[in-house]
């Protein structure tokens, strides 16, 4: 009988602890944000004192990959994350059943083409090797950029945000696409002189102290760019007042001016919803 009672007590404690763990959420007066180091965490650091004046402590947790921040958000280890654009977010939601939404856009990082040997896209030779991210969510973005620059043509009717290498219709220079690289390793590949050209995400270029405005031989168009970097939250927190204050600050004129001054075109402030 004592053994049965003992097991019952243990089971009850487990249930209580599980219930407490499931109640983790946004703490009053504090926000824990997961972010990429550059420029995301830097932008948040600039916003930190402004939020403090509004009674919100900002705890910034930095990450170096694109997977863990969403897992941490799902597990309620953080209250929001700041590293991804909408096409990537949609892919992650579809693959992992995340119950996430965008709370608002903050900035755009134009993706760039880099080369140690060639000074323009026109100089790329026949059969040039193009190194790019193994993240499928980036492929459509890169291919749309190369199509805009006149290097390739995609099949008619293909949605550019979801295009793949197989959707290339015309490739006049017979470019060879190497998609075996983790996005974080592409800056080192460029610095090593690997490949004929390397496509690098803006945050990784800046993190490696590569200046997109000065070093890229071509940059993604800044007009009508769907790859705005977002503050992402759990659906249950989309109307949280502290999250709303965070977005207001990050979309403020003060933060926009900081982005323009610090990054000088390598990172661009996004328009707030009411400006579009």
C-alpha atoms as a PDB file:
ATOM      1  CA  UNK A   1       0.000   0.000   0.000  1.00  0.00           C
ATOM      2  CA  UNK A   2       2.841   2.387   0.905  1.00  0.00           C
ATOM      3  CA  UNK A   3       4.506   1.620  -2.450  1.00  0.00           C
ATOM      4  CA  UNK A   4       1.285   2.477  -4.303  1.00  0.00           C
ATOM      5  CA  UNK A   5       0.926   5.739  -2.350  1.00  0.00           C
ATOM      6  CA  UNK A   6       4.576   6.568  -3.048  1.00  0.00           C
ATOM      7  CA  UNK A   7       4.139   6.081  -6.775  1.00  0.00           C
ATOM      8  CA  UNK A   8       0.985   8.188  -6.701  1.00  0.00           C
ATOM      9  CA  UNK A   9       2.841  11.053  -5.007  1.00  0.00           C
ATOM     10  CA  UNK A  10       5.685  10.859  -7.530  1.00  0.00           C
ATOM     11  CA  UNK A  11       3.218  10.867 -10.426  1.00  0.00           C
ATOM     12  CA  UNK A  12       1.431  13.884  -8.962  1.00  0.00           C
ATOM     13  CA  UNK A  13       4.712  15.786  -8.630  1.00  0.00           C
ATOM     14  CA  UNK A  14       5.605  14.996 -12.249  1.00  0.00           C
ATOM     15  CA  UNK A  15       2.250  16.314 -13.422  1.00  0.00           C
ATOM     16  CA  UNK A  16       2.620  19.494 -11.359  1.00  0.00           C
ATOM     17  CA  UNK A  17       6.138  20.143 -12.697  1.00  0.00           C
ATOM     18  CA  UNK A  18       5.011  19.498 -16.274  1.00  0.00           C
ATOM     19  CA  UNK A  19       2.112  21.884 -15.821  1.00  0.00           C
ATOM     20  CA  UNK A  20       4.419  24.579 -14.446  1.00  0.00           C
ATOM     21  CA  UNK A  21       6.834  24.083 -17.338  1.00  0.00           C
ATOM     22  CA  UNK A  22       3.984  24.436 -19.821  1.00  0.00           C
ATOM     23  CA  UNK A  23       3.075  27.833 -18.333  1.00  0.00           C
ATOM     24  CA  UNK A  24       6.377  29.440 -19.364  1.00  0.00           C
ATOM     25  CA  UNK A  25       5.688  32.607 -21.277  1.00  0.00           C
ATOM     26  CA  UNK A  26       6.487  36.293 -21.536  1.00  0.00           C
ATOM     27  CA  UNK A  27       7.478  37.751 -18.187  1.00  0.00           C
ATOM     28  CA  UNK A  28       6.112  41.144 -17.203  1.00  0.00           C
ATOM     29  CA  UNK A  29       8.761  43.810 -17.767  1.00  0.00           C
ATOM     30  CA  UNK A  30      11.134  41.548 -19.702  1.00  0.00           C
ATOM     31  CA  UNK A  31      11.600  40.133 -23.199  1.00  0.00           C
ATOM     32  CA  UNK A  32      14.074  37.405 -24.134  1.00  0.00           C
ATOM     33  CA  UNK A  33      14.986  37.644 -27.821  1.00  0.00           C
ATOM     34  CA  UNK A  34      17.035  35.150 -29.833  1.00  0.00           C
ATOM     35  CA  UNK A  35      18.974  36.801 -32.655  1.00  0.00           C
ATOM     36  CA  UNK A  36      21.796  36.428 -35.147  1.00  0.00           C
ATOM     37  CA  UNK A  37      24.922  38.318 -34.095  1.00  0.00           C
ATOM     38  CA  UNK A  38      25.095  40.794 -36.991  1.00  0.00           C
ATOM     39  CA  UNK A  39      23.181  42.948 -37.621  1.00  0.00           C
ATOM     40  CA  UNK A  40      20.223  41.647 -35.593  1.00  0.00           C
ATOM     41  CA  UNK A  41      21.762  41.665 -32.106  1.00  0.00           C
ATOM     42  CA  UNK A  42      23.431  45.013 -32.820  1.00  0.00           C
ATOM     43  CA  UNK A  43      20.082  46.560 -33.743  1.00  0.00           C
ATOM     44  CA  UNK A  44      18.510  45.113 -30.603  1.00  0.00           C
ATOM     45  CA  UNK A  45      21.336  46.533 -28.484  1.00  0.00           C
ATOM     46  CA  UNK A  46      20.532  49.978 -29.897  1.00  0.00           C
ATOM     47  CA  UNK A  47      16.855  49.474 -29.012  1.00  0.00           C
ATOM     48  CA  UNK A  48      17.633  48.204 -25.503  1.00  0.00           C
ATOM     49  CA  UNK A  49      17.910  51.557 -23.651  1.00  0.00           C
ATOM     50  CA  UNK A  50      14.800  52.884 -25.410  1.00  0.00           C
ATOM     51  CA  UNK A  51      12.810  49.886 -24.205  1.00  0.00           C
ATOM     52  CA  UNK A  52      14.258  50.249 -20.707  1.00  0.00           C
ATOM     53  CA  UNK A  53      12.712  53.716 -20.569  1.00  0.00           C
ATOM     54  CA  UNK A  54       9.383  52.035 -21.278  1.00  0.00           C
ATOM     55  CA  UNK A  55       9.874  49.539 -18.459  1.00  0.00           C
ATOM     56  CA  UNK A  56      10.999  46.563 -20.594  1.00  0.00           C
ATOM     57  CA  UNK A  57      14.299  44.776 -20.012  1.00  0.00           C
ATOM     58  CA  UNK A  58      15.667  43.248 -23.211  1.00  0.00           C
ATOM     59  CA  UNK A  59      17.635  40.008 -22.796  1.00  0.00           C
ATOM     60  CA  UNK A  60      19.402  39.234 -26.102  1.00  0.00           C
ATOM     61  CA  UNK A  61      20.468  35.631 -26.774  1.00  0.00           C
ATOM     62  CA  UNK A  62      22.704  35.218 -29.841  1.00  0.00           C
ATOM     63  CA  UNK A  63      22.731  32.255 -32.224  1.00  0.00           C
ATOM     64  CA  UNK A  64      24.986  31.309 -35.128  1.00  0.00           C
ATOM     65  CA  UNK A  65      22.603  29.053 -37.056  1.00  0.00           C
ATOM     66  CA  UNK A  66      19.078  29.138 -38.486  1.00  0.00           C
ATOM     67  CA  UNK A  67      17.613  26.085 -36.721  1.00  0.00           C
ATOM     68  CA  UNK A  68      18.027  26.488 -32.959  1.00  0.00           C
ATOM     69  CA  UNK A  69      16.319  29.918 -32.667  1.00  0.00           C
ATOM     70  CA  UNK A  70      13.006  28.474 -33.860  1.00  0.00           C
ATOM     71  CA  UNK A  71      13.342  25.436 -31.621  1.00  0.00           C
ATOM     72  CA  UNK A  72      14.050  27.732 -28.659  1.00  0.00           C
ATOM     73  CA  UNK A  73      10.977  29.812 -29.493  1.00  0.00           C
ATOM     74  CA  UNK A  74       8.805  26.706 -29.696  1.00  0.00           C
ATOM     75  CA  UNK A  75      10.135  25.474 -26.353  1.00  0.00           C
ATOM     76  CA  UNK A  76       9.523  28.894 -24.746  1.00  0.00           C
ATOM     77  CA  UNK A  77      13.194  29.360 -23.903  1.00  0.00           C
ATOM     78  CA  UNK A  78      12.901  32.734 -25.645  1.00  0.00           C
ATOM     79  CA  UNK A  79       9.943  35.058 -26.237  1.00  0.00           C
ATOM     80  CA  UNK A  80      10.730  35.986 -29.850  1.00  0.00           C
ATOM     81  CA  UNK A  81      13.457  35.605 -32.431  1.00  0.00           C
ATOM     82  CA  UNK A  82      14.998  37.906 -34.985  1.00  0.00           C
ATOM     83  CA  UNK A  83      16.962  36.330 -37.819  1.00  0.00           C
ATOM     84  CA  UNK A  84      14.608  35.075 -40.547  1.00  0.00           C
ATOM     85  CA  UNK A  85      12.582  36.370 -43.485  1.00  0.00           C
ATOM     86  CA  UNK A  86       9.055  35.331 -44.456  1.00  0.00           C
ATOM     87  CA  UNK A  87       9.867  32.665 -47.102  1.00  0.00           C
ATOM     88  CA  UNK A  88      12.159  30.887 -44.626  1.00  0.00           C
ATOM     89  CA  UNK A  89       9.580  31.221 -41.848  1.00  0.00           C
ATOM     90  CA  UNK A  90       6.885  29.684 -44.054  1.00  0.00           C
ATOM     91  CA  UNK A  91       9.177  26.764 -44.889  1.00  0.00           C
ATOM     92  CA  UNK A  92       9.952  26.152 -41.224  1.00  0.00           C
ATOM     93  CA  UNK A  93       6.277  26.287 -40.244  1.00  0.00           C
ATOM     94  CA  UNK A  94       5.388  23.799 -42.985  1.00  0.00           C
ATOM     95  CA  UNK A  95       8.195  21.398 -42.048  1.00  0.00           C
ATOM     96  CA  UNK A  96       7.914  21.588 -38.256  1.00  0.00           C
ATOM     97  CA  UNK A  97       4.299  22.582 -37.512  1.00  0.00           C
ATOM     98  CA  UNK A  98       5.488  25.649 -35.637  1.00  0.00           C
ATOM     99  CA  UNK A  99       2.680  27.901 -34.431  1.00  0.00           C
ATOM    100  CA  UNK A 100       4.559  31.115 -35.214  1.00  0.00           C
ATOM    101  CA  UNK A 101       3.628  34.476 -36.723  1.00  0.00           C
ATOM    102  CA  UNK A 102       5.498  37.608 -37.742  1.00  0.00           C
ATOM    103  CA  UNK A 103       5.062  40.495 -35.329  1.00  0.00           C
ATOM    104  CA  UNK A 104       6.643  42.929 -37.804  1.00  0.00           C
ATOM    105  CA  UNK A 105       9.522  43.549 -40.194  1.00  0.00           C
ATOM    106  CA  UNK A 106      12.693  45.425 -39.250  1.00  0.00           C
ATOM    107  CA  UNK A 107      15.306  45.419 -42.008  1.00  0.00           C
ATOM    108  CA  UNK A 108      16.511  43.967 -45.304  1.00  0.00           C
ATOM    109  CA  UNK A 109      19.972  42.517 -45.970  1.00  0.00           C
ATOM    110  CA  UNK A 110      20.545  42.486 -49.740  1.00  0.00           C
ATOM    111  CA  UNK A 111      22.281  39.236 -50.716  1.00  0.00           C
ATOM    112  CA  UNK A 112      25.508  39.713 -52.661  1.00  0.00           C
ATOM    113  CA  UNK A 113      27.714  38.027 -55.265  1.00  0.00           C
ATOM    114  CA  UNK A 114      31.411  38.002 -54.332  1.00  0.00           C
ATOM    115  CA  UNK A 115      34.503  36.974 -56.268  1.00  0.00           C
ATOM    116  CA  UNK A 116      38.247  37.157 -55.661  1.00  0.00           C
ATOM    117  CA  UNK A 117      39.003  36.870 -59.371  1.00  0.00           C
ATOM    118  CA  UNK A 118      36.276  38.730 -61.269  1.00  0.00           C
ATOM    119  CA  UNK A 119      35.084  42.324 -60.935  1.00  0.00           C
ATOM    120  CA  UNK A 120      31.653  41.939 -62.528  1.00  0.00           C
ATOM    121  CA  UNK A 121      29.059  39.328 -63.433  1.00  0.00           C
ATOM    122  CA  UNK A 122      29.843  39.907 -67.104  1.00  0.00           C
ATOM    123  CA  UNK A 123      33.414  38.695 -66.528  1.00  0.00           C
ATOM    124  CA  UNK A 124      32.317  35.289 -65.190  1.00  0.00           C
ATOM    125  CA  UNK A 125      33.604  32.659 -67.652  1.00  0.00           C
ATOM    126  CA  UNK A 126      31.804  29.785 -69.358  1.00  0.00           C
ATOM    127  CA  UNK A 127      31.119  27.035 -66.821  1.00  0.00           C
ATOM    128  CA  UNK A 128      31.897  29.265 -63.818  1.00  0.00           C
ATOM    129  CA  UNK A 129      31.360  27.568 -60.444  1.00  0.00           C
ATOM    130  CA  UNK A 130      28.837  29.444 -58.298  1.00  0.00           C
ATOM    131  CA  UNK A 131      28.869  28.604 -54.584  1.00  0.00           C
ATOM    132  CA  UNK A 132      25.612  29.088 -52.689  1.00  0.00           C
ATOM    133  CA  UNK A 133      23.803  28.107 -49.512  1.00  0.00           C
ATOM    134  CA  UNK A 134      22.409  24.606 -49.057  1.00  0.00           C
ATOM    135  CA  UNK A 135      19.297  26.201 -47.545  1.00  0.00           C
ATOM    136  CA  UNK A 136      16.519  25.566 -50.065  1.00  0.00           C
ATOM    137  CA  UNK A 137      14.714  28.630 -48.727  1.00  0.00           C
ATOM    138  CA  UNK A 138      17.566  30.767 -50.150  1.00  0.00           C
ATOM    139  CA  UNK A 139      17.632  29.186 -53.597  1.00  0.00           C
ATOM    140  CA  UNK A 140      14.642  31.008 -55.044  1.00  0.00           C
ATOM    141  CA  UNK A 141      15.973  34.309 -53.765  1.00  0.00           C
ATOM    142  CA  UNK A 142      19.378  33.711 -55.330  1.00  0.00           C
ATOM    143  CA  UNK A 143      17.993  32.485 -58.648  1.00  0.00           C
ATOM    144  CA  UNK A 144      15.601  35.434 -58.884  1.00  0.00           C
ATOM    145  CA  UNK A 145      18.567  37.736 -58.361  1.00  0.00           C
ATOM    146  CA  UNK A 146      20.642  35.997 -61.056  1.00  0.00           C
ATOM    147  CA  UNK A 147      17.696  36.157 -63.447  1.00  0.00           C
ATOM    148  CA  UNK A 148      17.300  39.881 -62.786  1.00  0.00           C
ATOM    149  CA  UNK A 149      21.010  40.332 -63.539  1.00  0.00           C
ATOM    150  CA  UNK A 150      20.592  38.475 -66.854  1.00  0.00           C
ATOM    151  CA  UNK A 151      22.684  35.384 -66.064  1.00  0.00           C
ATOM    152  CA  UNK A 152      19.863  32.832 -66.212  1.00  0.00           C
ATOM    153  CA  UNK A 153      16.175  32.543 -67.110  1.00  0.00           C
ATOM    154  CA  UNK A 154      13.698  30.637 -64.971  1.00  0.00           C
ATOM    155  CA  UNK A 155      10.873  28.566 -66.406  1.00  0.00           C
ATOM    156  CA  UNK A 156       7.723  30.525 -67.133  1.00  0.00           C
ATOM    157  CA  UNK A 157       5.260  30.636 -64.272  1.00  0.00           C
ATOM    158  CA  UNK A 158       7.742  29.598 -61.569  1.00  0.00           C
ATOM    159  CA  UNK A 159       7.214  31.314 -58.209  1.00  0.00           C
ATOM    160  CA  UNK A 160      10.583  32.918 -57.588  1.00  0.00           C
ATOM    161  CA  UNK A 161      10.487  32.622 -53.780  1.00  0.00           C
ATOM    162  CA  UNK A 162      10.275  28.831 -54.094  1.00  0.00           C
ATOM    163  CA  UNK A 163      12.334  28.254 -57.258  1.00  0.00           C
ATOM    164  CA  UNK A 164      15.065  25.606 -57.359  1.00  0.00           C
ATOM    165  CA  UNK A 165      18.034  24.827 -59.608  1.00  0.00           C
ATOM    166  CA  UNK A 166      15.773  22.494 -61.603  1.00  0.00           C
ATOM    167  CA  UNK A 167      13.607  25.483 -62.539  1.00  0.00           C
ATOM    168  CA  UNK A 168      16.356  27.086 -64.632  1.00  0.00           C
ATOM    169  CA  UNK A 169      15.198  27.255 -68.265  1.00  0.00           C
ATOM    170  CA  UNK A 170      18.154  29.027 -69.872  1.00  0.00           C
ATOM    171  CA  UNK A 171      21.756  29.145 -68.622  1.00  0.00           C
ATOM    172  CA  UNK A 172      23.807  30.777 -71.437  1.00  0.00           C
ATOM    173  CA  UNK A 173      27.139  30.560 -69.602  1.00  0.00           C
ATOM    174  CA  UNK A 174      26.481  27.015 -68.366  1.00  0.00           C
ATOM    175  CA  UNK A 175      27.085  28.127 -64.804  1.00  0.00           C
ATOM    176  CA  UNK A 176      27.734  25.286 -62.361  1.00  0.00           C
ATOM    177  CA  UNK A 177      25.830  25.684 -59.081  1.00  0.00           C
ATOM    178  CA  UNK A 178      27.425  24.178 -55.981  1.00  0.00           C
ATOM    179  CA  UNK A 179      24.805  24.088 -53.203  1.00  0.00           C
ATOM    180  CA  UNK A 180      26.767  22.047 -50.656  1.00  0.00           C
ATOM    181  CA  UNK A 181      27.686  24.909 -48.332  1.00  0.00           C
ATOM    182  CA  UNK A 182      26.233  25.881 -44.968  1.00  0.00           C
ATOM    183  CA  UNK A 183      25.391  29.581 -45.254  1.00  0.00           C
ATOM    184  CA  UNK A 184      27.677  30.415 -42.334  1.00  0.00           C
ATOM    185  CA  UNK A 185      30.715  28.960 -44.158  1.00  0.00           C
ATOM    186  CA  UNK A 186      30.280  30.910 -47.395  1.00  0.00           C
ATOM    187  CA  UNK A 187      32.241  33.994 -46.258  1.00  0.00           C
ATOM    188  CA  UNK A 188      35.272  31.804 -45.542  1.00  0.00           C
ATOM    189  CA  UNK A 189      34.892  30.141 -48.945  1.00  0.00           C
ATOM    190  CA  UNK A 190      34.995  33.584 -50.550  1.00  0.00           C
ATOM    191  CA  UNK A 191      37.988  34.694 -48.478  1.00  0.00           C
ATOM    192  CA  UNK A 192      39.764  31.458 -49.461  1.00  0.00           C
ATOM    193  CA  UNK A 193      39.125  32.171 -53.137  1.00  0.00           C
ATOM    194  CA  UNK A 194      36.990  29.054 -53.595  1.00  0.00           C
ATOM    195  CA  UNK A 195      34.762  28.902 -56.674  1.00  0.00           C
ATOM    196  CA  UNK A 196      34.450  31.623 -59.281  1.00  0.00           C
ATOM    197  CA  UNK A 197      31.715  33.476 -57.392  1.00  0.00           C
ATOM    198  CA  UNK A 198      30.070  33.090 -53.996  1.00  0.00           C
ATOM    199  CA  UNK A 199      26.544  34.125 -52.981  1.00  0.00           C
ATOM    200  CA  UNK A 200      26.569  35.330 -49.351  1.00  0.00           C
ATOM    201  CA  UNK A 201      23.689  36.346 -47.094  1.00  0.00           C
ATOM    202  CA  UNK A 202      24.121  39.895 -45.797  1.00  0.00           C
ATOM    203  CA  UNK A 203      24.302  39.007 -42.105  1.00  0.00           C
ATOM    204  CA  UNK A 204      27.071  36.452 -42.668  1.00  0.00           C
ATOM    205  CA  UNK A 205      29.018  38.876 -44.861  1.00  0.00           C
ATOM    206  CA  UNK A 206      28.872  41.571 -42.195  1.00  0.00           C
ATOM    207  CA  UNK A 207      29.719  39.061 -39.467  1.00  0.00           C
ATOM    208  CA  UNK A 208      32.913  38.213 -41.369  1.00  0.00           C
ATOM    209  CA  UNK A 209      33.698  41.933 -41.781  1.00  0.00           C
ATOM    210  CA  UNK A 210      32.964  41.790 -45.497  1.00  0.00           C
ATOM    211  CA  UNK A 211      31.393  45.055 -46.684  1.00  0.00           C
ATOM    212  CA  UNK A 212      28.655  44.266 -49.233  1.00  0.00           C
ATOM    213  CA  UNK A 213      28.564  47.794 -50.634  1.00  0.00           C
ATOM    214  CA  UNK A 214      32.309  47.796 -51.297  1.00  0.00           C
ATOM    215  CA  UNK A 215      33.153  44.159 -52.047  1.00  0.00           C
ATOM    216  CA  UNK A 216      30.146  42.604 -53.780  1.00  0.00           C
ATOM    217  CA  UNK A 217      30.331  42.501 -57.570  1.00  0.00           C
ATOM    218  CA  UNK A 218      26.515  42.523 -57.581  1.00  0.00           C
ATOM    219  CA  UNK A 219      23.823  43.109 -54.965  1.00  0.00           C
ATOM    220  CA  UNK A 220      20.223  41.984 -54.829  1.00  0.00           C
ATOM    221  CA  UNK A 221      17.677  44.650 -55.774  1.00  0.00           C
ATOM    222  CA  UNK A 222      16.412  46.664 -52.830  1.00  0.00           C
ATOM    223  CA  UNK A 223      13.033  47.415 -54.445  1.00  0.00           C
ATOM    224  CA  UNK A 224       9.965  45.293 -53.577  1.00  0.00           C
ATOM    225  CA  UNK A 225      12.203  42.862 -51.712  1.00  0.00           C
ATOM    226  CA  UNK A 226      10.135  40.141 -49.943  1.00  0.00           C
ATOM    227  CA  UNK A 227      13.032  39.112 -47.706  1.00  0.00           C
ATOM    228  CA  UNK A 228      12.462  41.525 -44.832  1.00  0.00           C
ATOM    229  CA  UNK A 229      13.916  40.203 -41.571  1.00  0.00           C
ATOM    230  CA  UNK A 230      11.158  39.683 -39.020  1.00  0.00           C
ATOM    231  CA  UNK A 231      10.478  39.603 -35.316  1.00  0.00           C
ATOM    232  CA  UNK A 232       8.809  36.188 -34.976  1.00  0.00           C
ATOM    233  CA  UNK A 233       6.680  35.146 -32.004  1.00  0.00           C
ATOM    234  CA  UNK A 234       4.399  32.311 -30.971  1.00  0.00           C
ATOM    235  CA  UNK A 235       0.817  32.817 -32.190  1.00  0.00           C
ATOM    236  CA  UNK A 236      -0.383  33.115 -28.594  1.00  0.00           C
ATOM    237  CA  UNK A 237       1.842  36.175 -28.085  1.00  0.00           C
ATOM    238  CA  UNK A 238       1.039  38.127 -31.252  1.00  0.00           C
ATOM    239  CA  UNK A 239      -1.066  40.675 -29.325  1.00  0.00           C
ATOM    240  CA  UNK A 240       1.250  40.944 -26.318  1.00  0.00           C
ATOM    241  CA  UNK A 241       1.737  44.614 -25.388  1.00  0.00           C
ATOM    242  CA  UNK A 242       5.475  44.215 -24.784  1.00  0.00           C
ATOM    243  CA  UNK A 243       5.927  42.694 -28.229  1.00  0.00           C
ATOM    244  CA  UNK A 244       3.987  45.601 -29.729  1.00  0.00           C
ATOM    245  CA  UNK A 245       6.264  48.075 -27.953  1.00  0.00           C
ATOM    246  CA  UNK A 246       9.315  46.191 -29.262  1.00  0.00           C
ATOM    247  CA  UNK A 247       8.062  46.511 -32.845  1.00  0.00           C
ATOM    248  CA  UNK A 248       7.251  50.199 -32.385  1.00  0.00           C
ATOM    249  CA  UNK A 249      10.809  50.855 -31.240  1.00  0.00           C
ATOM    250  CA  UNK A 250      12.461  48.751 -33.950  1.00  0.00           C
ATOM    251  CA  UNK A 251      10.408  50.512 -36.647  1.00  0.00           C
ATOM    252  CA  UNK A 252      11.002  53.967 -35.142  1.00  0.00           C
ATOM    253  CA  UNK A 253      12.823  56.782 -36.914  1.00  0.00           C
ATOM    254  CA  UNK A 254      15.587  56.541 -34.314  1.00  0.00           C
ATOM    255  CA  UNK A 255      16.387  52.900 -35.130  1.00  0.00           C
ATOM    256  CA  UNK A 256      16.039  53.515 -38.877  1.00  0.00           C
ATOM    257  CA  UNK A 257      18.593  56.307 -38.598  1.00  0.00           C
ATOM    258  CA  UNK A 258      20.933  54.003 -36.669  1.00  0.00           C
ATOM    259  CA  UNK A 259      20.658  51.315 -39.399  1.00  0.00           C
ATOM    260  CA  UNK A 260      21.331  53.842 -42.170  1.00  0.00           C
ATOM    261  CA  UNK A 261      24.316  55.364 -40.367  1.00  0.00           C
ATOM    262  CA  UNK A 262      25.962  52.152 -39.179  1.00  0.00           C
ATOM    263  CA  UNK A 263      25.515  49.937 -42.237  1.00  0.00           C
ATOM    264  CA  UNK A 264      25.535  52.554 -45.019  1.00  0.00           C
ATOM    265  CA  UNK A 265      23.357  50.594 -47.464  1.00  0.00           C
ATOM    266  CA  UNK A 266      24.542  47.095 -46.539  1.00  0.00           C
ATOM    267  CA  UNK A 267      21.448  46.818 -44.329  1.00  0.00           C
ATOM    268  CA  UNK A 268      18.268  48.760 -45.071  1.00  0.00           C
ATOM    269  CA  UNK A 269      15.421  49.625 -42.703  1.00  0.00           C
ATOM    270  CA  UNK A 270      12.110  48.050 -43.671  1.00  0.00           C
ATOM    271  CA  UNK A 271       8.933  50.031 -44.003  1.00  0.00           C
ATOM    272  CA  UNK A 272       6.372  49.730 -41.230  1.00  0.00           C
ATOM    273  CA  UNK A 273       3.030  48.250 -42.282  1.00  0.00           C
ATOM    274  CA  UNK A 274       1.340  51.659 -42.172  1.00  0.00           C
ATOM    275  CA  UNK A 275       3.939  53.084 -44.574  1.00  0.00           C
ATOM    276  CA  UNK A 276       3.302  50.545 -47.303  1.00  0.00           C
END
